[in-house]
């Protein structure tokens, strides 16, 4: 019966997964993600076996990731100069690997519940939240398109972000989707449970709305003027020797035109080693920082003891403070299993700075203009549990990025949405300085207050308010959601275990 169902058609499942992407930036149509997930849960509820559920989850995952991270191809082919067939294959293989996680959710959910609909209501959200969390650390982590992000910032469910973080919002989102799917059963079936589920969904939605009104943190000192520099240097020209002087001059003129106390350049804004930075250039930046009674944060590569670091320098005095990126991108910033994969870089891929070293895992905020500024670089702000390492000491969060690697795709907007989630989790203003976009200021409620146009030479001048205090997520990181998942698993496994013991007696 199920195999002939329209919804179980692989193409239909693929399209349902693709529809889920519309909840993420730049679309922000969060109800569509809920409807998409509810449709998948409806299919899983009809599955006769864990294998069927796994296949349904896999095709759904393919649609989600093929549409959601297609820009990996742009990075590999357009800028990494990998042959088109190989870049397409590598992108498809990554999407296939990511699709294994929804497949595993379906398989595990039916395996442990024996297709009992009421237990599926609990099993699917728990396994999905654990799957998204696992993606954040397995093979160094790739948590792109974790379901919780689809509700940021406008959905009532985003109100749980300061308490449970993005994986907690994943748990709640998928739970509501499962409840919606259960309520699609024929009208007279389990009417009492349907009413209870509807009341629960309304209650959770109302609670999320009320939580969005809570001020978890309080203003620290007075707002400071900040300039976020977007140099718009084309990625295919960025590391060309002929462009170095042009790039240095552009960023120097942009910085010197500002009277902001905090001036932030993007990741690797200056395409050279910090040790090769002309002394006259460094002195002009130091003079500017002194004149504005603040600091200039410069993105540059450092070389020390035969190691290279992706760094942000605080050019404010003779002894510059530095933040070094610690969470590196596999294959982009370091080569995992170098003995196995080094040939790809030698023969097929042209990636500059593909063998960097990690910075400290316990960085400290920089004291700038009366604010304690916690810096992270590019991809690092996808990991909320790492951002809170500098909290609650930090009063402002700064992200320096270069998403020019992904061309005119949706990647930069997706990255912006992840920063919106970090603002909500931490109760902090987030400042983003990028090469080509999205350069923006985000308030502690996840709202984008100011943004520079993509692919333009822009200086975004804003007044940024620092905040002190802790949200529950800052205190406990992912511990609370993992505890909820553990409780959910106990509620599933313990009754099943007791029932199986009773049958054997």
Protein backbone atom coordinates (compact mmCIF):
# COMPACT_ATOMS: atom_id res chain seq x y z
CA UNK A 1 0.00 0.00 0.00
CA UNK A 2 2.70 2.49 1.01
CA UNK A 3 4.90 1.93 -2.00
CA UNK A 4 2.04 3.02 -4.26
CA UNK A 5 1.44 6.14 -2.18
CA UNK A 6 2.08 9.42 -3.98
CA UNK A 7 4.07 10.79 -1.03
CA UNK A 8 6.40 7.79 -0.99
CA UNK A 9 7.52 8.48 -4.55
CA UNK A 10 11.28 9.28 -4.43
CA UNK A 11 10.79 12.41 -6.54
CA UNK A 12 8.02 13.63 -4.25
CA UNK A 13 10.18 13.05 -1.17
CA UNK A 14 13.07 14.86 -2.86
CA UNK A 15 10.81 17.85 -3.56
CA UNK A 16 9.52 17.82 0.02
CA UNK A 17 13.12 18.03 1.25
CA UNK A 18 13.84 20.86 -1.17
CA UNK A 19 10.75 22.69 0.13
CA UNK A 20 12.20 22.59 3.65
CA UNK A 21 15.05 24.83 2.44
CA UNK A 22 12.54 27.66 2.01
CA UNK A 23 12.41 28.03 5.79
CA UNK A 24 16.07 29.04 5.79
CA UNK A 25 17.62 32.31 4.61
CA UNK A 26 17.24 34.11 2.29
CA UNK A 27 13.60 32.97 2.13
CA UNK A 28 12.71 32.80 5.86
CA UNK A 29 9.39 31.03 5.11
CA UNK A 30 9.48 29.04 8.35
CA UNK A 31 5.93 27.59 8.07
CA UNK A 32 6.98 25.77 4.89
CA UNK A 33 9.70 23.90 6.79
CA UNK A 34 7.09 22.74 9.29
CA UNK A 35 4.74 21.60 6.52
CA UNK A 36 7.59 19.83 4.74
CA UNK A 37 8.66 18.00 7.91
CA UNK A 38 5.06 17.12 8.76
CA UNK A 39 4.70 15.51 5.34
CA UNK A 40 7.80 13.39 5.94
CA UNK A 41 6.51 12.38 9.39
CA UNK A 42 3.20 11.39 7.76
CA UNK A 43 5.11 9.12 5.37
CA UNK A 44 7.12 7.59 8.21
CA UNK A 45 3.92 6.88 10.13
CA UNK A 46 2.72 4.76 7.19
CA UNK A 47 5.96 2.86 6.69
CA UNK A 48 5.82 -0.90 7.17
CA UNK A 49 9.49 -1.34 8.05
CA UNK A 50 12.58 0.57 9.20
CA UNK A 51 14.08 0.03 5.72
CA UNK A 52 11.18 1.87 4.08
CA UNK A 53 11.52 4.70 6.58
CA UNK A 54 15.27 4.92 5.89
CA UNK A 55 14.69 5.18 2.13
CA UNK A 56 12.07 7.88 2.63
CA UNK A 57 14.42 9.83 4.89
CA UNK A 58 17.29 9.47 2.44
CA UNK A 59 15.38 10.87 -0.55
CA UNK A 60 14.03 13.68 1.63
CA UNK A 61 17.57 14.44 2.81
CA UNK A 62 18.85 14.50 -0.76
CA UNK A 63 16.33 17.20 -1.63
CA UNK A 64 17.17 19.18 1.51
CA UNK A 65 20.92 19.17 0.98
CA UNK A 66 21.13 19.22 -2.83
CA UNK A 67 19.15 22.45 -2.88
CA UNK A 68 20.52 23.77 0.41
CA UNK A 69 24.28 23.34 -0.15
CA UNK A 70 24.59 23.31 -3.95
CA UNK A 71 27.05 26.18 -3.56
CA UNK A 72 29.76 23.68 -2.56
CA UNK A 73 30.06 23.06 -6.32
CA UNK A 74 30.72 26.78 -6.92
CA UNK A 75 33.51 26.78 -4.36
CA UNK A 76 35.17 23.66 -5.78
CA UNK A 77 34.75 24.41 -9.50
CA UNK A 78 34.53 28.18 -9.98
CA UNK A 79 37.17 29.15 -7.43
CA UNK A 80 38.98 25.91 -6.61
CA UNK A 81 39.29 25.09 -10.35
CA UNK A 82 38.34 21.47 -9.84
CA UNK A 83 37.04 19.84 -13.07
CA UNK A 84 33.27 20.21 -13.37
CA UNK A 85 32.56 16.47 -13.27
CA UNK A 86 34.68 15.99 -10.17
CA UNK A 87 33.22 19.03 -8.37
CA UNK A 88 29.69 17.83 -9.15
CA UNK A 89 30.52 14.33 -7.93
CA UNK A 90 32.13 15.63 -4.73
CA UNK A 91 29.11 17.85 -4.02
CA UNK A 92 26.67 15.00 -4.68
CA UNK A 93 28.65 12.65 -2.43
CA UNK A 94 28.57 15.21 0.38
CA UNK A 95 24.82 15.67 -0.06
CA UNK A 96 24.41 11.88 -0.06
CA UNK A 97 26.38 11.60 3.16
CA UNK A 98 24.30 14.34 4.79
CA UNK A 99 21.11 12.58 3.61
CA UNK A 100 22.14 9.52 5.62
CA UNK A 101 21.21 11.40 8.80
CA UNK A 102 17.46 11.79 8.00
CA UNK A 103 17.60 8.20 6.75
CA UNK A 104 19.02 7.09 10.09
CA UNK A 105 16.34 9.08 11.94
CA UNK A 106 13.62 7.20 10.03
CA UNK A 107 15.27 3.83 10.50
CA UNK A 108 15.87 4.26 14.24
CA UNK A 109 12.41 5.72 14.87
CA UNK A 110 10.60 2.72 13.41
CA UNK A 111 13.10 0.25 14.78
CA UNK A 112 12.60 1.27 18.40
CA UNK A 113 8.84 1.91 18.22
CA UNK A 114 7.71 -0.99 16.01
CA UNK A 115 5.57 1.54 14.06
CA UNK A 116 3.56 2.57 17.13
CA UNK A 117 2.27 6.01 16.18
CA UNK A 118 2.24 7.46 19.69
CA UNK A 119 5.86 6.47 20.30
CA UNK A 120 6.86 7.89 16.90
CA UNK A 121 5.67 11.27 18.15
CA UNK A 122 8.55 11.19 20.63
CA UNK A 123 11.14 9.12 18.78
CA UNK A 124 11.37 11.18 15.57
CA UNK A 125 12.08 14.57 17.27
CA UNK A 126 14.59 13.02 19.66
CA UNK A 127 16.53 11.19 16.95
CA UNK A 128 16.46 14.23 14.64
CA UNK A 129 17.80 16.55 17.34
CA UNK A 130 20.55 14.04 18.10
CA UNK A 131 21.30 13.69 14.38
CA UNK A 132 21.67 17.46 13.92
CA UNK A 133 23.85 17.63 17.04
CA UNK A 134 26.00 14.73 15.78
CA UNK A 135 26.52 16.54 12.48
CA UNK A 136 27.99 19.42 14.50
CA UNK A 137 31.01 17.36 15.60
CA UNK A 138 31.44 14.23 13.50
CA UNK A 139 34.46 14.61 11.17
CA UNK A 140 35.01 18.07 12.78
CA UNK A 141 31.40 19.05 12.11
CA UNK A 142 29.15 20.36 9.34
CA UNK A 143 25.86 21.47 10.99
CA UNK A 144 24.62 23.39 7.96
CA UNK A 145 20.80 23.33 7.62
CA UNK A 146 20.15 22.06 11.12
CA UNK A 147 16.36 22.26 11.33
CA UNK A 148 16.30 24.72 14.24
CA UNK A 149 17.76 27.44 12.02
CA UNK A 150 14.66 27.35 9.81
CA UNK A 151 12.71 29.04 12.64
CA UNK A 152 15.15 31.94 13.14
CA UNK A 153 14.37 34.72 13.89
CA UNK A 154 10.63 35.29 13.39
CA UNK A 155 8.99 31.98 14.32
CA UNK A 156 7.53 31.75 17.84
CA UNK A 157 9.65 28.61 18.27
CA UNK A 158 12.79 30.77 18.07
CA UNK A 159 11.85 32.01 21.53
CA UNK A 160 13.40 28.81 22.90
CA UNK A 161 16.78 29.64 21.36
CA UNK A 162 18.24 31.42 24.46
CA UNK A 163 17.34 28.39 26.58
CA UNK A 164 17.92 25.29 24.47
CA UNK A 165 19.94 26.58 21.52
CA UNK A 166 19.47 25.58 17.91
CA UNK A 167 19.27 21.82 18.58
CA UNK A 168 16.57 22.41 21.17
CA UNK A 169 14.60 24.34 18.57
CA UNK A 170 15.19 21.41 16.19
CA UNK A 171 13.67 19.10 18.81
CA UNK A 172 10.60 21.30 19.26
CA UNK A 173 10.13 22.01 15.54
CA UNK A 174 10.21 18.34 14.57
CA UNK A 175 7.93 17.47 17.51
CA UNK A 176 5.32 19.94 16.25
CA UNK A 177 5.72 18.58 12.72
CA UNK A 178 5.07 15.04 14.03
CA UNK A 179 2.02 16.23 15.94
CA UNK A 180 0.70 17.89 12.76
CA UNK A 181 1.20 14.63 10.87
CA UNK A 182 -0.60 12.65 13.57
CA UNK A 183 -3.57 15.01 13.39
CA UNK A 184 -3.95 14.18 9.68
CA UNK A 185 -5.28 10.73 10.60
CA UNK A 186 -8.96 10.06 9.74
CA UNK A 187 -11.22 12.31 11.79
CA UNK A 188 -12.62 9.69 14.17
CA UNK A 189 -9.30 8.01 15.00
CA UNK A 190 -7.73 8.85 18.37
CA UNK A 191 -9.80 12.00 18.65
CA UNK A 192 -8.85 12.58 22.29
CA UNK A 193 -5.11 12.43 21.56
CA UNK A 194 -5.54 14.76 18.59
CA UNK A 195 -7.16 17.36 20.84
CA UNK A 196 -4.35 17.00 23.35
CA UNK A 197 -1.76 17.46 20.61
CA UNK A 198 -3.50 20.56 19.29
CA UNK A 199 -3.57 22.06 22.80
CA UNK A 200 0.11 21.17 23.24
CA UNK A 201 1.08 22.78 19.94
CA UNK A 202 -0.81 25.96 20.80
CA UNK A 203 0.74 26.04 24.27
CA UNK A 204 4.28 25.60 22.95
CA UNK A 205 3.70 28.30 20.34
CA UNK A 206 2.33 30.68 22.96
CA UNK A 207 5.22 29.94 25.33
CA UNK A 208 7.74 30.58 22.55
CA UNK A 209 6.07 33.92 21.81
CA UNK A 210 6.22 34.90 25.48
CA UNK A 211 9.87 33.86 25.74
CA UNK A 212 10.72 36.21 22.89
CA UNK A 213 9.71 39.08 25.18
CA UNK A 214 12.19 38.08 27.89
CA UNK A 215 15.28 40.29 28.22
CA UNK A 216 17.91 37.74 29.22
CA UNK A 217 20.77 40.24 29.20
CA UNK A 218 21.16 43.91 30.13
CA UNK A 219 22.96 46.81 28.38
CA UNK A 220 26.63 47.24 29.25
CA UNK A 221 27.96 50.81 29.12
CA UNK A 222 26.94 53.08 26.23
CA UNK A 223 26.78 52.06 22.54
CA UNK A 224 29.99 52.50 20.56
CA UNK A 225 30.39 53.50 16.93
CA UNK A 226 31.52 50.62 14.74
CA UNK A 227 32.59 50.51 11.09
CA UNK A 228 32.29 47.17 9.30
CA UNK A 229 34.37 47.20 6.12
CA UNK A 230 33.28 45.26 3.02
CA UNK A 231 36.05 45.53 0.43
CA UNK A 232 34.35 43.41 -2.28
CA UNK A 233 37.56 41.87 -3.58
CA UNK A 234 36.75 39.18 -6.17
CA UNK A 235 37.74 35.75 -4.87
CA UNK A 236 39.45 34.71 -8.10
CA UNK A 237 41.68 37.82 -7.85
CA UNK A 238 42.08 38.01 -4.08
CA UNK A 239 45.42 36.19 -3.87
CA UNK A 240 46.83 37.50 -7.14
CA UNK A 241 50.18 39.33 -6.57
CA UNK A 242 48.93 42.09 -8.88
CA UNK A 243 46.00 42.79 -6.52
CA UNK A 244 47.90 43.05 -3.24
CA UNK A 245 48.68 46.77 -3.39
CA UNK A 246 45.18 47.59 -4.67
CA UNK A 247 43.62 45.64 -1.78
CA UNK A 248 45.87 47.25 0.85
CA UNK A 249 45.08 50.74 -0.42
CA UNK A 250 41.35 50.08 -0.58
CA UNK A 251 41.10 48.89 3.01
CA UNK A 252 43.40 51.61 4.31
CA UNK A 253 41.33 54.35 2.66
CA UNK A 254 38.08 52.81 3.91
CA UNK A 255 39.44 52.62 7.46
CA UNK A 256 40.90 56.14 7.50
CA UNK A 257 37.60 57.56 6.25
CA UNK A 258 35.91 56.37 9.45
CA UNK A 259 35.86 57.88 12.92
CA UNK A 260 34.47 54.70 14.50
CA UNK A 261 36.06 53.47 17.71
CA UNK A 262 35.93 49.88 16.46
CA UNK A 263 36.81 49.25 12.80
CA UNK A 264 36.52 45.66 11.58
CA UNK A 265 37.97 44.25 8.38
CA UNK A 266 36.84 40.87 6.97
CA UNK A 267 38.58 37.51 7.24
CA UNK A 268 41.98 37.57 5.44
CA UNK A 269 41.18 41.08 4.21
CA UNK A 270 44.88 41.74 3.62
CA UNK A 271 46.22 38.98 1.32
CA UNK A 272 49.67 38.61 2.84
CA UNK A 273 51.47 37.37 5.90
CA UNK A 274 51.25 39.71 8.87
CA UNK A 275 55.05 39.72 9.05
CA UNK A 276 55.15 41.11 5.50
CA UNK A 277 52.78 43.96 6.23
CA UNK A 278 54.65 47.21 5.43
CA UNK A 279 55.69 49.02 8.58
CA UNK A 280 54.34 52.33 7.29
CA UNK A 281 50.96 50.66 6.71
CA UNK A 282 50.88 49.25 10.21
CA UNK A 283 51.83 52.60 11.73
CA UNK A 284 48.98 54.36 9.87
CA UNK A 285 46.48 51.86 11.23
CA UNK A 286 47.88 52.28 14.73
CA UNK A 287 47.65 56.05 14.41
CA UNK A 288 44.05 55.73 13.28
CA UNK A 289 43.18 53.52 16.26
CA UNK A 290 44.81 56.04 18.61
CA UNK A 291 43.03 58.97 16.95
CA UNK A 292 39.63 57.25 17.29
CA UNK A 293 40.44 56.04 20.82
CA UNK A 294 39.65 52.48 19.77
CA UNK A 295 40.99 49.66 17.65
CA UNK A 296 41.24 48.32 14.12
CA UNK A 297 40.69 44.57 13.68
CA UNK A 298 42.57 43.28 10.65
CA UNK A 299 42.06 39.90 8.97
CA UNK A 300 45.42 38.44 7.94
CA UNK A 301 47.48 35.25 7.87
CA UNK A 302 50.14 34.81 10.55
CA UNK A 303 53.30 32.73 10.25
CA UNK A 304 54.97 31.51 13.41
CA UNK A 305 57.29 28.54 14.06
CA UNK A 306 56.52 26.99 10.65
CA UNK A 307 52.80 27.24 11.31
CA UNK A 308 50.21 29.39 9.56
CA UNK A 309 47.14 30.82 11.31
CA UNK A 310 43.96 32.47 10.08
CA UNK A 311 43.98 35.48 12.40
CA UNK A 312 42.37 38.76 13.39
CA UNK A 313 44.89 41.32 14.68
CA UNK A 314 43.92 44.16 16.99
CA UNK A 315 46.10 46.93 15.60
CA UNK A 316 46.01 49.38 18.48
CA UNK A 317 49.57 49.56 19.77
CA UNK A 318 53.08 48.26 19.45
CA UNK A 319 52.05 44.83 20.75
CA UNK A 320 49.00 43.78 18.76
CA UNK A 321 46.48 41.41 20.32
CA UNK A 322 45.51 38.49 18.15
CA UNK A 323 42.69 35.99 17.73
CA UNK A 324 43.54 32.80 15.82
CA UNK A 325 40.86 30.63 14.29
CA UNK A 326 40.60 27.28 16.05
CA UNK A 327 37.77 25.45 14.24
CA UNK A 328 39.13 24.93 10.75
CA UNK A 329 37.20 23.82 7.67
CA UNK A 330 38.23 20.32 6.51
CA UNK A 331 39.56 20.35 2.93
CA UNK A 332 39.30 24.16 2.92
CA UNK A 333 41.75 25.08 5.69
CA UNK A 334 43.36 21.79 6.57
CA UNK A 335 43.81 18.44 4.83
CA UNK A 336 42.38 15.55 6.87
CA UNK A 337 44.22 12.25 6.42
CA UNK A 338 46.88 14.06 4.42
CA UNK A 339 48.56 10.84 3.29
CA UNK A 340 45.27 9.79 1.65
CA UNK A 341 43.88 13.06 0.28
CA UNK A 342 46.94 15.22 -0.50
CA UNK A 343 46.82 14.15 -4.18
CA UNK A 344 43.50 15.96 -4.62
CA UNK A 345 45.19 19.28 -3.85
CA UNK A 346 48.25 18.45 -5.90
CA UNK A 347 46.41 17.36 -9.04
CA UNK A 348 42.81 18.65 -8.97
CA UNK A 349 42.20 21.51 -6.57
CA UNK A 350 43.73 24.95 -6.20
CA UNK A 351 42.91 26.07 -2.65
CA UNK A 352 45.17 28.71 -1.07
CA UNK A 353 45.90 28.33 2.65
CA UNK A 354 44.62 24.74 2.74
CA UNK A 355 46.99 23.58 5.50
CA UNK A 356 46.55 25.96 8.41
CA UNK A 357 47.11 25.36 12.11
CA UNK A 358 44.55 25.74 14.89
CA UNK A 359 44.55 28.59 17.35
CA UNK A 360 43.68 28.40 21.04
CA UNK A 361 40.51 26.58 22.10
CA UNK A 362 40.16 28.94 25.07
CA UNK A 363 40.40 32.48 23.63
CA UNK A 364 39.74 35.58 25.71
CA UNK A 365 37.72 38.64 24.67
CA UNK A 366 39.62 41.79 23.71
CA UNK A 367 38.98 44.97 25.67
CA UNK A 368 38.12 47.61 23.05
CA UNK A 369 36.47 50.99 23.67
CA UNK A 370 35.04 49.87 26.99
CA UNK A 371 33.59 46.66 25.54
CA UNK A 372 34.85 43.10 25.77
CA UNK A 373 34.81 41.85 22.18
CA UNK A 374 34.68 38.13 21.42
CA UNK A 375 35.94 37.40 17.92
CA UNK A 376 35.23 34.40 15.74
CA UNK A 377 36.19 33.80 12.13
CA UNK A 378 33.86 32.69 9.35
CA UNK A 379 32.60 29.13 9.84
CA UNK A 380 33.21 29.20 13.59
CA UNK A 381 29.93 30.96 14.30
CA UNK A 382 28.03 27.87 13.12
CA UNK A 383 29.03 26.24 16.44
CA UNK A 384 27.07 27.82 19.28
CA UNK A 385 28.72 25.64 21.93
CA UNK A 386 32.09 27.12 20.90
CA UNK A 387 30.91 30.73 20.80
CA UNK A 388 29.87 30.58 24.48
CA UNK A 389 33.45 29.79 25.52
CA UNK A 390 34.12 33.54 25.65
CA UNK A 391 30.91 34.24 27.55
CA UNK A 392 29.56 35.66 29.76
CA UNK A 393 32.71 37.81 29.87
CA UNK A 394 32.22 39.16 26.34
CA UNK A 395 29.77 42.01 25.74
CA UNK A 396 29.93 42.07 21.91
CA UNK A 397 30.38 39.31 19.32
CA UNK A 398 32.33 39.96 16.11
CA UNK A 399 32.38 37.60 13.15
CA UNK A 400 34.84 38.20 10.29
CA UNK A 401 34.05 36.17 7.17
CA UNK A 402 34.76 35.72 3.49
CA UNK A 403 31.86 34.00 1.74
CA UNK A 404 33.06 35.12 -1.69
CA UNK A 405 34.04 31.46 -2.14
CA UNK A 406 30.39 30.67 -2.87
CA UNK A 407 29.68 33.31 -5.52
CA UNK A 408 26.21 34.78 -5.88
CA UNK A 409 24.52 31.87 -4.11
CA UNK A 410 22.39 31.62 -0.97
CA UNK A 411 25.38 30.58 1.18
CA UNK A 412 26.14 34.07 2.54
CA UNK A 413 22.49 34.60 3.56
CA UNK A 414 22.41 31.20 5.25
CA UNK A 415 25.57 32.15 7.13
CA UNK A 416 23.91 35.39 8.22
CA UNK A 417 20.99 33.38 9.62
CA UNK A 418 23.40 31.29 11.69
CA UNK A 419 24.78 34.51 13.17
CA UNK A 420 21.20 35.54 13.98
CA UNK A 421 20.87 32.30 15.94
CA UNK A 422 24.09 33.02 17.86
CA UNK A 423 22.75 36.47 18.81
CA UNK A 424 19.57 34.89 20.20
CA UNK A 425 21.42 32.11 22.04
CA UNK A 426 23.81 34.51 23.74
CA UNK A 427 21.72 37.67 24.16
CA UNK A 428 24.48 39.64 22.45
CA UNK A 429 24.79 42.03 19.51
CA UNK A 430 26.60 40.34 16.61
CA UNK A 431 28.72 42.38 14.21
CA UNK A 432 29.65 40.79 10.87
CA UNK A 433 32.37 42.14 8.56
CA UNK A 434 32.64 40.24 5.28
CA UNK A 435 34.39 40.57 1.95
CA UNK A 436 31.32 40.48 -0.31
CA UNK A 437 28.35 40.00 2.10
CA UNK A 438 26.50 39.58 4.31
CA UNK A 439 28.01 42.45 6.30
CA UNK A 440 25.51 43.30 9.03
CA UNK A 441 24.66 44.22 12.61
CA UNK A 442 22.28 41.84 14.40
CA UNK A 443 20.58 42.68 17.69
CA UNK A 444 20.23 40.26 20.61
CA UNK A 445 16.79 39.19 19.37
CA UNK A 446 18.25 38.00 16.08
CA UNK A 447 16.95 40.94 14.04
CA UNK A 448 19.16 42.40 11.30
CA UNK A 449 19.25 46.12 12.14
CA UNK A 450 21.60 47.19 9.36
CA UNK A 451 23.12 45.43 6.35
CA UNK A 452 25.43 46.44 3.50
CA UNK A 453 24.42 45.55 -0.08
CA UNK A 454 26.01 42.33 -1.29
CA UNK A 455 28.92 42.60 -3.75
CA UNK A 456 29.52 46.28 -3.16
CA UNK A 457 32.36 48.30 -1.67
CA UNK A 458 30.69 49.44 1.54
CA UNK A 459 31.40 50.73 5.01
CA UNK A 460 28.55 49.88 7.33
CA UNK A 461 28.60 52.40 10.19
CA UNK A 462 26.48 51.45 13.19
CA UNK A 463 26.05 52.15 16.89
CA UNK A 464 26.53 48.83 18.67
CA UNK A 465 25.23 48.17 22.16
CA UNK A 466 27.13 45.75 24.37
CA UNK A 467 25.34 43.44 26.83
CA UNK A 468 26.22 41.61 30.02
CA UNK A 469 24.61 38.65 31.72
CA UNK A 470 23.88 35.07 30.73
CA UNK A 471 21.13 33.25 28.93
CA UNK A 472 20.48 29.65 30.02
CA UNK A 473 22.23 28.55 26.82
CA UNK A 474 25.37 30.49 27.77
CA UNK A 475 25.42 28.64 31.12
CA UNK A 476 24.64 25.14 29.90
CA UNK A 477 25.32 25.15 26.12
CA UNK A 478 23.87 21.96 24.59
CA UNK A 479 23.58 20.11 27.91
CA UNK A 480 19.88 20.91 28.39
CA UNK A 481 18.75 19.63 25.00
CA UNK A 482 20.90 16.51 25.34
CA UNK A 483 19.31 15.89 28.72
CA UNK A 484 15.85 16.21 27.15
CA UNK A 485 16.84 13.78 24.41
CA UNK A 486 18.11 11.31 27.01
CA UNK A 487 14.84 11.60 28.90
CA UNK A 488 12.92 11.02 25.67
CA UNK A 489 14.92 7.89 24.90
CA UNK A 490 14.30 6.56 28.42
CA UNK A 491 10.57 7.10 27.99
CA UNK A 492 10.72 5.05 24.79
CA UNK A 493 13.12 2.27 25.72
CA UNK A 494 12.11 1.59 29.33
CA UNK A 495 8.42 0.74 28.57
CA UNK A 496 9.53 -1.36 25.59
CA UNK A 497 12.05 -3.18 27.76
CA UNK A 498 9.50 -3.82 30.51
CA UNK A 499 6.96 -5.04 27.95
CA UNK A 500 9.45 -7.48 26.41
CA UNK A 501 10.37 -8.79 29.90
CA UNK A 502 6.70 -9.33 30.66
CA UNK A 503 6.24 -11.36 27.48
CA UNK A 504 9.13 -13.68 28.33
CA UNK A 505 7.70 -14.56 31.73
